[in-house]
């Protein structure tokens, strides 16, 4: 089967190249490390006897943030070194900023073609390969299998879309499954789905979702005040214990959702509420599109990427990378994006829940189905079906302190109950590193 994949890969790559070039130019930031994608690995130190080298692939920002406890544990234990790769420019930037001292090297994941992947493998020479979440690259896994290198899929999950697509390709998936040593599933639902694709029970273990173990550095009140001032939100009045006015956050929003949130802002103000809107678009390169929308709204605004705000605005736009966790700490109500039609999949609600924020989400949270189910059962989130319902619910929550406090308390309780995935995952990795197979 690998030869069919290899034969088809190049024609498909050539066919899709114009799209990916356009997307890379639109998003920017891909020039640095560009040749990593063709197997040109950045300089790595010579391997040290007794130190195992792990190649860890995390596709983008969310996965990069989730692996922090793993990297910190590897670093503290001192028996491994990590070559960390990612796929997106935002993931690469975050890795360089956050993990430079925890990784032996940081690069882009190579294109999954025979020559490119083989070249990278010869240069990295890992003893263990770890793939985060949905990363299941046939050539990469085949290279590991041919070298006798164990492959562990961590936080493994199958979204509804991925599962349906994979079920249609089960004949191709089964040979790929043999290349995985262990598949550590994010939920029991995911484990059952992997079984139906042909993964054997001995490979599978539900360890839980690493993203539920997220450890978010909390801002001090002075830091919150400073951040508010920098992005144009109201700051505490003299002698006041909290900022003047509420903050509605659009977390990782997609087109159309910002319109509803702007309407919610205006509706809340019409009811006498002192409210500001903080928009954090999923893709920062949409800033010009948002600028046009804000101009038409008649509201004042400030983009974080433009530097410090010169005064208070109606709408602050967090169009920077890696700051959503900080922005969420300023919010009184959070709407999780990519969850209203026509979009599907949803963005993560975990950080907002961990921080104890009242969360609103749409019906299309298919990428986080199990997380949303447990949050709903805990009474920690509120679902809205349409843009109109989002407007109504947002205004209601902004008006009702008791409702907000109830959702917040439930979210904190849910967080406490669902921790532990990191240690369970590390236990499997440590056992594999200690086994005779390495």
Protein backbone atom coordinates (compact mmCIF):
# COMPACT_ATOMS: atom_id res chain seq x y z
CA UNK A 1 0.00 0.00 0.00
CA UNK A 2 2.86 2.40 0.70
CA UNK A 3 3.84 2.30 -2.98
CA UNK A 4 0.36 3.36 -4.06
CA UNK A 5 0.64 6.29 -1.63
CA UNK A 6 4.09 7.21 -2.93
CA UNK A 7 2.98 7.10 -6.57
CA UNK A 8 -0.09 9.24 -5.91
CA UNK A 9 1.59 11.74 -3.60
CA UNK A 10 3.56 13.79 -6.14
CA UNK A 11 0.70 14.33 -8.64
CA UNK A 12 -1.58 15.37 -5.79
CA UNK A 13 1.11 17.67 -4.38
CA UNK A 14 1.59 19.36 -7.76
CA UNK A 15 -2.17 19.72 -8.14
CA UNK A 16 -2.56 21.33 -4.71
CA UNK A 17 0.59 23.47 -4.81
CA UNK A 18 -1.10 26.67 -6.15
CA UNK A 19 -3.62 26.56 -3.29
CA UNK A 20 -0.97 26.03 -0.62
CA UNK A 21 1.31 28.73 -2.06
CA UNK A 22 -1.62 31.16 -2.01
CA UNK A 23 -2.45 30.21 1.59
CA UNK A 24 1.18 30.51 2.69
CA UNK A 25 1.48 33.97 1.14
CA UNK A 26 -1.83 35.02 2.69
CA UNK A 27 -0.88 33.90 6.18
CA UNK A 28 2.79 34.84 5.91
CA UNK A 29 5.68 33.77 8.15
CA UNK A 30 6.69 30.70 6.13
CA UNK A 31 10.04 31.93 4.79
CA UNK A 32 12.00 30.94 7.88
CA UNK A 33 12.58 27.19 7.89
CA UNK A 34 11.01 26.76 4.45
CA UNK A 35 13.46 24.05 3.40
CA UNK A 36 12.67 21.99 6.48
CA UNK A 37 9.62 20.84 4.53
CA UNK A 38 11.91 19.14 2.03
CA UNK A 39 13.87 17.22 4.65
CA UNK A 40 16.51 19.88 5.40
CA UNK A 41 16.47 19.50 9.17
CA UNK A 42 17.88 22.41 11.24
CA UNK A 43 21.24 21.67 12.91
CA UNK A 44 20.86 19.21 15.78
CA UNK A 45 23.49 18.29 18.38
CA UNK A 46 25.21 14.92 18.07
CA UNK A 47 23.33 12.19 19.89
CA UNK A 48 24.57 11.58 23.42
CA UNK A 49 24.96 7.99 24.67
CA UNK A 50 22.23 7.18 27.17
CA UNK A 51 20.00 10.05 26.02
CA UNK A 52 17.01 9.00 23.92
CA UNK A 53 15.92 11.31 21.12
CA UNK A 54 12.19 11.86 20.60
CA UNK A 55 10.73 13.34 17.41
CA UNK A 56 7.49 15.05 18.49
CA UNK A 57 5.10 16.44 15.88
CA UNK A 58 2.37 18.92 16.92
CA UNK A 59 0.50 20.43 14.01
CA UNK A 60 -0.36 23.96 15.22
CA UNK A 61 -0.91 26.34 18.15
CA UNK A 62 -3.49 24.31 20.09
CA UNK A 63 -1.38 21.16 20.02
CA UNK A 64 1.76 23.16 20.81
CA UNK A 65 0.17 24.53 23.95
CA UNK A 66 -1.09 21.08 24.98
CA UNK A 67 2.38 19.47 24.87
CA UNK A 68 3.93 21.89 27.37
CA UNK A 69 3.64 19.47 30.35
CA UNK A 70 5.22 16.66 28.31
CA UNK A 71 8.19 18.79 27.25
CA UNK A 72 8.69 20.08 30.77
CA UNK A 73 8.63 16.53 32.18
CA UNK A 74 11.14 15.26 29.58
CA UNK A 75 13.43 18.20 30.34
CA UNK A 76 13.27 17.74 34.11
CA UNK A 77 13.90 14.00 33.95
CA UNK A 78 16.97 14.54 31.79
CA UNK A 79 16.92 11.18 30.00
CA UNK A 80 15.56 12.39 26.67
CA UNK A 81 15.94 15.19 24.16
CA UNK A 82 13.19 16.35 21.82
CA UNK A 83 13.23 17.40 18.19
CA UNK A 84 9.98 19.34 17.92
CA UNK A 85 8.20 19.91 14.59
CA UNK A 86 5.03 21.66 13.54
CA UNK A 87 3.10 22.31 10.34
CA UNK A 88 1.94 25.93 10.55
CA UNK A 89 3.84 29.21 10.75
CA UNK A 90 1.91 30.16 13.90
CA UNK A 91 2.83 26.85 15.52
CA UNK A 92 6.48 27.35 14.53
CA UNK A 93 6.57 30.88 15.94
CA UNK A 94 5.01 29.74 19.23
CA UNK A 95 7.43 26.80 19.52
CA UNK A 96 10.44 29.08 19.03
CA UNK A 97 9.15 31.52 21.63
CA UNK A 98 7.98 28.99 24.23
CA UNK A 99 10.14 25.88 23.90
CA UNK A 100 13.61 26.97 22.77
CA UNK A 101 15.11 25.84 26.08
CA UNK A 102 13.15 22.57 26.20
CA UNK A 103 13.89 21.22 22.71
CA UNK A 104 17.14 20.11 21.06
CA UNK A 105 15.79 21.55 17.81
CA UNK A 106 12.64 23.08 16.33
CA UNK A 107 11.59 22.75 12.71
CA UNK A 108 8.77 22.29 10.24
CA UNK A 109 7.44 18.80 9.59
CA UNK A 110 8.61 17.54 6.17
CA UNK A 111 6.21 16.93 3.33
CA UNK A 112 5.18 13.29 3.60
CA UNK A 113 6.96 12.20 0.40
CA UNK A 114 9.44 9.34 0.27
CA UNK A 115 12.56 11.43 -0.48
CA UNK A 116 11.77 14.32 1.84
CA UNK A 117 10.71 12.17 4.78
CA UNK A 118 13.62 9.75 4.36
CA UNK A 119 16.14 12.60 4.33
CA UNK A 120 14.68 14.06 7.54
CA UNK A 121 14.71 10.66 9.25
CA UNK A 122 18.37 10.08 8.36
CA UNK A 123 19.28 13.40 9.92
CA UNK A 124 17.11 13.30 13.03
CA UNK A 125 17.72 9.61 13.90
CA UNK A 126 15.05 9.48 16.63
CA UNK A 127 14.61 6.63 19.09
CA UNK A 128 10.90 7.32 19.54
CA UNK A 129 8.30 9.11 17.42
CA UNK A 130 5.32 10.89 18.99
CA UNK A 131 2.45 12.24 16.89
CA UNK A 132 -0.16 14.55 18.39
CA UNK A 133 -3.91 14.14 17.88
CA UNK A 134 -4.82 13.68 14.18
CA UNK A 135 -1.30 13.30 12.79
CA UNK A 136 -1.11 9.96 10.97
CA UNK A 137 1.26 10.39 8.02
CA UNK A 138 1.77 7.12 6.07
CA UNK A 139 5.33 7.80 4.86
CA UNK A 140 6.45 9.11 8.24
CA UNK A 141 5.04 6.05 10.01
CA UNK A 142 6.52 3.73 7.36
CA UNK A 143 9.97 5.29 7.84
CA UNK A 144 9.68 4.66 11.59
CA UNK A 145 8.51 1.07 11.10
CA UNK A 146 11.37 0.33 8.69
CA UNK A 147 13.89 1.56 11.25
CA UNK A 148 12.31 -0.27 14.18
CA UNK A 149 11.38 3.02 15.86
CA UNK A 150 8.24 2.92 18.04
CA UNK A 151 5.46 5.35 17.15
CA UNK A 152 3.06 6.62 19.81
CA UNK A 153 -0.02 8.63 18.88
CA UNK A 154 -0.80 10.97 21.79
CA UNK A 155 -4.16 12.61 22.49
CA UNK A 156 -5.36 10.64 19.48
CA UNK A 157 -8.78 11.56 18.22
CA UNK A 158 -11.04 11.18 15.18
CA UNK A 159 -13.49 13.97 14.43
CA UNK A 160 -16.79 13.04 12.83
CA UNK A 161 -15.49 14.12 9.42
CA UNK A 162 -12.18 12.28 9.78
CA UNK A 163 -13.93 9.14 11.00
CA UNK A 164 -16.36 9.05 8.07
CA UNK A 165 -13.53 9.62 5.59
CA UNK A 166 -11.35 6.99 7.25
CA UNK A 167 -14.15 4.41 7.25
CA UNK A 168 -14.39 4.76 3.48
CA UNK A 169 -10.64 4.09 3.26
CA UNK A 170 -10.42 1.26 5.79
CA UNK A 171 -8.50 -0.95 3.35
CA UNK A 172 -5.75 1.68 3.27
CA UNK A 173 -5.92 2.51 6.97
CA UNK A 174 -5.36 -1.06 8.22
CA UNK A 175 -1.78 -1.34 6.85
CA UNK A 176 -1.03 2.10 8.34
CA UNK A 177 -2.33 0.99 11.74
CA UNK A 178 0.40 -1.66 11.97
CA UNK A 179 3.02 1.08 12.10
CA UNK A 180 1.73 2.44 15.41
CA UNK A 181 3.06 0.98 18.64
CA UNK A 182 0.49 2.64 20.91
CA UNK A 183 -2.49 4.90 20.29
CA UNK A 184 -3.35 6.91 23.40
CA UNK A 185 -6.92 8.05 22.86
CA UNK A 186 -8.45 11.28 24.09
CA UNK A 187 -11.78 9.58 24.85
CA UNK A 188 -13.54 6.21 24.89
CA UNK A 189 -15.46 7.26 21.78
CA UNK A 190 -12.16 7.77 19.97
CA UNK A 191 -10.90 4.37 21.14
CA UNK A 192 -13.99 2.66 19.73
CA UNK A 193 -13.55 4.47 16.44
CA UNK A 194 -9.93 3.36 16.12
CA UNK A 195 -11.01 -0.23 16.80
CA UNK A 196 -13.56 -0.07 14.00
CA UNK A 197 -10.78 1.09 11.64
CA UNK A 198 -8.73 -2.01 12.35
CA UNK A 199 -6.46 -0.97 15.22
CA UNK A 200 -6.06 -3.89 17.62
CA UNK A 201 -7.01 -3.56 21.32
CA UNK A 202 -3.40 -4.06 22.46
CA UNK A 203 -2.45 -0.83 20.66
CA UNK A 204 -5.22 1.24 22.19
CA UNK A 205 -5.57 2.94 25.56
CA UNK A 206 -7.79 5.82 26.63
CA UNK A 207 -5.60 8.18 28.63
CA UNK A 208 -7.81 11.27 28.37
CA UNK A 209 -7.42 14.64 26.76
CA UNK A 210 -4.14 16.46 27.42
CA UNK A 211 -5.85 19.76 26.76
CA UNK A 212 -7.88 19.29 29.94
CA UNK A 213 -4.65 19.36 31.95
CA UNK A 214 -3.76 22.79 30.64
CA UNK A 215 -1.90 24.92 33.18
CA UNK A 216 -2.60 28.57 32.41
CA UNK A 217 -0.41 31.20 34.10
CA UNK A 218 -2.80 33.58 35.83
CA UNK A 219 -2.40 37.31 35.43
CA UNK A 220 -2.16 39.45 38.54
CA UNK A 221 -4.66 42.29 38.81
CA UNK A 222 -1.99 44.81 37.86
CA UNK A 223 -1.16 42.75 34.76
CA UNK A 224 -4.82 42.61 33.77
CA UNK A 225 -5.09 46.38 34.16
CA UNK A 226 -2.00 46.88 32.01
CA UNK A 227 -3.27 44.52 29.31
CA UNK A 228 -6.67 46.23 29.29
CA UNK A 229 -5.00 49.57 28.78
CA UNK A 230 -2.77 48.24 26.00
CA UNK A 231 -5.66 46.87 23.93
CA UNK A 232 -8.10 49.70 24.60
CA UNK A 233 -10.46 48.23 27.20
CA UNK A 234 -11.63 50.24 30.22
CA UNK A 235 -9.40 50.06 33.30
CA UNK A 236 -10.35 50.41 37.00
CA UNK A 237 -11.42 53.83 38.16
CA UNK A 238 -9.54 55.36 41.07
CA UNK A 239 -10.45 53.43 44.21
CA UNK A 240 -12.51 50.84 42.31
CA UNK A 241 -11.89 47.16 42.85
CA UNK A 242 -12.57 46.10 39.27
CA UNK A 243 -12.63 47.48 35.77
CA UNK A 244 -15.55 49.68 34.78
CA UNK A 245 -17.69 47.63 32.43
CA UNK A 246 -18.05 44.07 31.20
CA UNK A 247 -16.14 42.30 28.43
CA UNK A 248 -17.71 40.00 25.85
CA UNK A 249 -15.07 37.81 24.17
CA UNK A 250 -15.34 36.22 20.74
CA UNK A 251 -12.81 33.39 21.04
CA UNK A 252 -11.26 32.18 17.76
CA UNK A 253 -14.09 33.57 15.65
CA UNK A 254 -14.85 32.88 12.00
CA UNK A 255 -16.62 34.99 9.36
CA UNK A 256 -20.21 35.84 10.24
CA UNK A 257 -19.77 35.27 13.95
CA UNK A 258 -18.19 38.69 14.45
CA UNK A 259 -21.33 40.30 12.99
CA UNK A 260 -23.50 38.63 15.62
CA UNK A 261 -21.12 39.66 18.41
CA UNK A 262 -21.10 43.28 17.22
CA UNK A 263 -24.91 43.21 17.25
CA UNK A 264 -24.84 41.71 20.77
CA UNK A 265 -22.57 44.55 21.90
CA UNK A 266 -24.94 47.20 20.55
CA UNK A 267 -27.99 45.40 21.99
CA UNK A 268 -26.39 45.14 25.44
CA UNK A 269 -25.54 48.85 25.40
CA UNK A 270 -29.10 49.72 24.37
CA UNK A 271 -30.20 47.99 27.58
CA UNK A 272 -27.96 50.25 29.63
CA UNK A 273 -25.05 47.86 30.13
CA UNK A 274 -21.48 49.12 30.05
CA UNK A 275 -19.87 46.52 27.80
CA UNK A 276 -16.84 46.24 25.51
CA UNK A 277 -16.18 43.60 22.85
CA UNK A 278 -12.90 41.71 22.52
CA UNK A 279 -12.59 39.85 19.21
CA UNK A 280 -9.88 37.23 18.70
CA UNK A 281 -10.21 35.91 15.13
CA UNK A 282 -8.99 32.37 14.49
CA UNK A 283 -6.90 33.64 11.57
CA UNK A 284 -5.07 36.91 12.20
CA UNK A 285 -4.65 37.51 8.46
CA UNK A 286 -8.37 38.38 8.35
CA UNK A 287 -7.59 41.72 9.98
CA UNK A 288 -8.38 43.78 6.85
CA UNK A 289 -11.71 42.00 6.45
CA UNK A 290 -12.48 42.80 10.09
CA UNK A 291 -11.31 46.38 9.67
CA UNK A 292 -13.89 46.85 6.91
CA UNK A 293 -16.60 45.32 9.10
CA UNK A 294 -15.70 47.57 12.03
CA UNK A 295 -15.63 50.68 9.85
CA UNK A 296 -19.20 49.94 8.73
CA UNK A 297 -20.32 49.34 12.33
CA UNK A 298 -19.56 52.90 13.40
CA UNK A 299 -17.80 51.62 16.52
CA UNK A 300 -14.30 52.60 17.60
CA UNK A 301 -11.69 49.84 17.52
CA UNK A 302 -8.04 48.96 18.02
CA UNK A 303 -5.94 46.11 16.65
CA UNK A 304 -3.44 44.57 19.06
CA UNK A 305 -0.89 44.20 16.23
CA UNK A 306 -0.82 48.00 15.86
CA UNK A 307 0.80 48.43 19.28
CA UNK A 308 -0.63 50.09 22.38
CA UNK A 309 -4.03 51.74 22.18
CA UNK A 310 -4.10 55.49 22.77
CA UNK A 311 -7.44 55.35 24.54
CA UNK A 312 -10.55 53.30 25.29
CA UNK A 313 -12.36 51.77 22.28
CA UNK A 314 -15.61 49.89 21.76
CA UNK A 315 -13.97 46.86 20.16
CA UNK A 316 -10.47 45.48 20.80
CA UNK A 317 -9.14 43.00 18.24
CA UNK A 318 -6.58 40.46 19.45
CA UNK A 319 -4.93 39.73 16.09
CA UNK A 320 -1.73 38.30 17.55
CA UNK A 321 -0.49 34.75 18.17
CA UNK A 322 -0.40 33.00 21.53
CA UNK A 323 -2.28 35.59 23.61
CA UNK A 324 -5.78 34.10 23.70
CA UNK A 325 -5.24 32.67 27.18
CA UNK A 326 -4.37 36.13 28.48
CA UNK A 327 -7.29 37.77 26.70
CA UNK A 328 -9.70 35.16 28.08
CA UNK A 329 -8.81 36.24 31.62
CA UNK A 330 -10.28 39.66 30.87
CA UNK A 331 -13.65 38.26 29.76
CA UNK A 332 -16.96 38.08 31.58
CA UNK A 333 -18.70 36.04 28.88
CA UNK A 334 -16.99 33.93 26.17
CA UNK A 335 -18.37 32.77 22.83
CA UNK A 336 -16.41 29.90 21.25
CA UNK A 337 -16.03 30.37 17.50
CA UNK A 338 -16.42 28.18 14.41
CA UNK A 339 -19.53 26.69 15.98
CA UNK A 340 -22.35 28.44 14.10
CA UNK A 341 -23.46 27.66 10.54
CA UNK A 342 -22.07 27.57 7.94
CA UNK A 343 -18.92 26.65 9.91
CA UNK A 344 -18.38 23.27 11.53
CA UNK A 345 -15.94 21.72 13.98
CA UNK A 346 -15.70 24.39 16.65
CA UNK A 347 -12.70 25.84 18.45
CA UNK A 348 -11.57 24.64 21.85
CA UNK A 349 -13.70 25.62 24.85
CA UNK A 350 -11.15 24.17 27.29
CA UNK A 351 -9.12 27.27 28.18
CA UNK A 352 -12.25 29.30 28.89
CA UNK A 353 -13.67 26.50 31.06
CA UNK A 354 -10.38 26.04 32.94
CA UNK A 355 -10.40 29.75 33.69
CA UNK A 356 -13.96 29.47 34.98
CA UNK A 357 -15.57 31.66 32.34
CA UNK A 358 -19.25 31.45 31.31
CA UNK A 359 -19.16 29.86 27.83
CA UNK A 360 -21.56 30.12 24.92
CA UNK A 361 -21.17 27.85 21.88
CA UNK A 362 -23.03 26.95 18.72
CA UNK A 363 -24.37 23.51 17.71
CA UNK A 364 -21.43 22.61 15.45
CA UNK A 365 -18.75 21.64 17.97
CA UNK A 366 -18.04 18.31 16.27
CA UNK A 367 -14.27 18.45 16.85
CA UNK A 368 -14.93 18.68 20.58
CA UNK A 369 -18.01 16.48 20.83
CA UNK A 370 -16.98 14.60 23.98
CA UNK A 371 -15.62 17.69 25.72
CA UNK A 372 -18.81 19.64 25.01
CA UNK A 373 -20.92 16.67 26.13
CA UNK A 374 -19.21 16.53 29.52
CA UNK A 375 -19.29 20.32 29.91
CA UNK A 376 -23.00 20.29 29.11
CA UNK A 377 -23.65 17.49 31.60
CA UNK A 378 -21.77 19.52 34.21
CA UNK A 379 -23.91 22.56 33.50
CA UNK A 380 -20.82 24.55 32.56
CA UNK A 381 -21.77 25.81 29.07
CA UNK A 382 -24.80 27.16 27.25
CA UNK A 383 -25.63 26.21 23.67
CA UNK A 384 -27.14 28.55 21.10
CA UNK A 385 -28.51 27.37 17.76
CA UNK A 386 -28.34 30.50 15.62
CA UNK A 387 -26.70 33.90 15.34
CA UNK A 388 -29.93 35.43 16.70
CA UNK A 389 -29.86 33.14 19.75
CA UNK A 390 -26.21 34.05 20.35
CA UNK A 391 -27.16 37.73 20.51
CA UNK A 392 -30.02 37.06 22.94
CA UNK A 393 -28.00 34.70 25.18
CA UNK A 394 -24.97 36.97 25.31
CA UNK A 395 -27.08 39.93 26.43
CA UNK A 396 -28.90 37.79 29.02
CA UNK A 397 -25.64 36.56 30.55
CA UNK A 398 -24.14 40.04 30.59
CA UNK A 399 -27.24 41.22 32.48
CA UNK A 400 -27.41 38.32 34.95
CA UNK A 401 -24.54 38.00 37.44
CA UNK A 402 -26.09 34.92 39.09
CA UNK A 403 -26.21 33.00 35.79
CA UNK A 404 -22.60 33.87 35.08
CA UNK A 405 -21.48 32.75 38.53
CA UNK A 406 -23.38 29.45 38.20
CA UNK A 407 -21.71 28.62 34.86
CA UNK A 408 -18.34 29.67 36.22
CA UNK A 409 -18.57 27.44 39.31
CA UNK A 410 -19.64 24.47 37.17
CA UNK A 411 -16.71 25.01 34.80
CA UNK A 412 -14.21 25.01 37.65
CA UNK A 413 -15.71 21.82 39.09
CA UNK A 414 -15.56 20.15 35.64
CA UNK A 415 -11.90 21.11 35.35
CA UNK A 416 -11.01 19.56 38.70
CA UNK A 417 -12.76 16.27 37.85
CA UNK A 418 -11.18 15.82 34.41
CA UNK A 419 -7.48 16.28 35.12
CA UNK A 420 -4.86 13.49 34.91
CA UNK A 421 -4.31 12.77 31.21
CA UNK A 422 -0.75 14.11 31.25
CA UNK A 423 0.51 11.70 33.89
CA UNK A 424 -1.24 8.73 32.27
CA UNK A 425 0.33 9.64 28.93
CA UNK A 426 3.78 10.09 30.43
CA UNK A 427 3.54 6.69 32.12
CA UNK A 428 3.09 4.97 28.74
CA UNK A 429 5.92 6.96 27.14
CA UNK A 430 8.28 6.20 30.03
CA UNK A 431 7.45 2.50 29.83
CA UNK A 432 8.15 2.50 26.10
CA UNK A 433 11.47 4.29 26.56
CA UNK A 434 12.47 1.76 29.20
CA UNK A 435 11.50 -1.28 27.12
CA UNK A 436 13.88 -3.53 25.23
CA UNK A 437 12.45 -2.33 21.94
CA UNK A 438 14.55 0.83 22.02
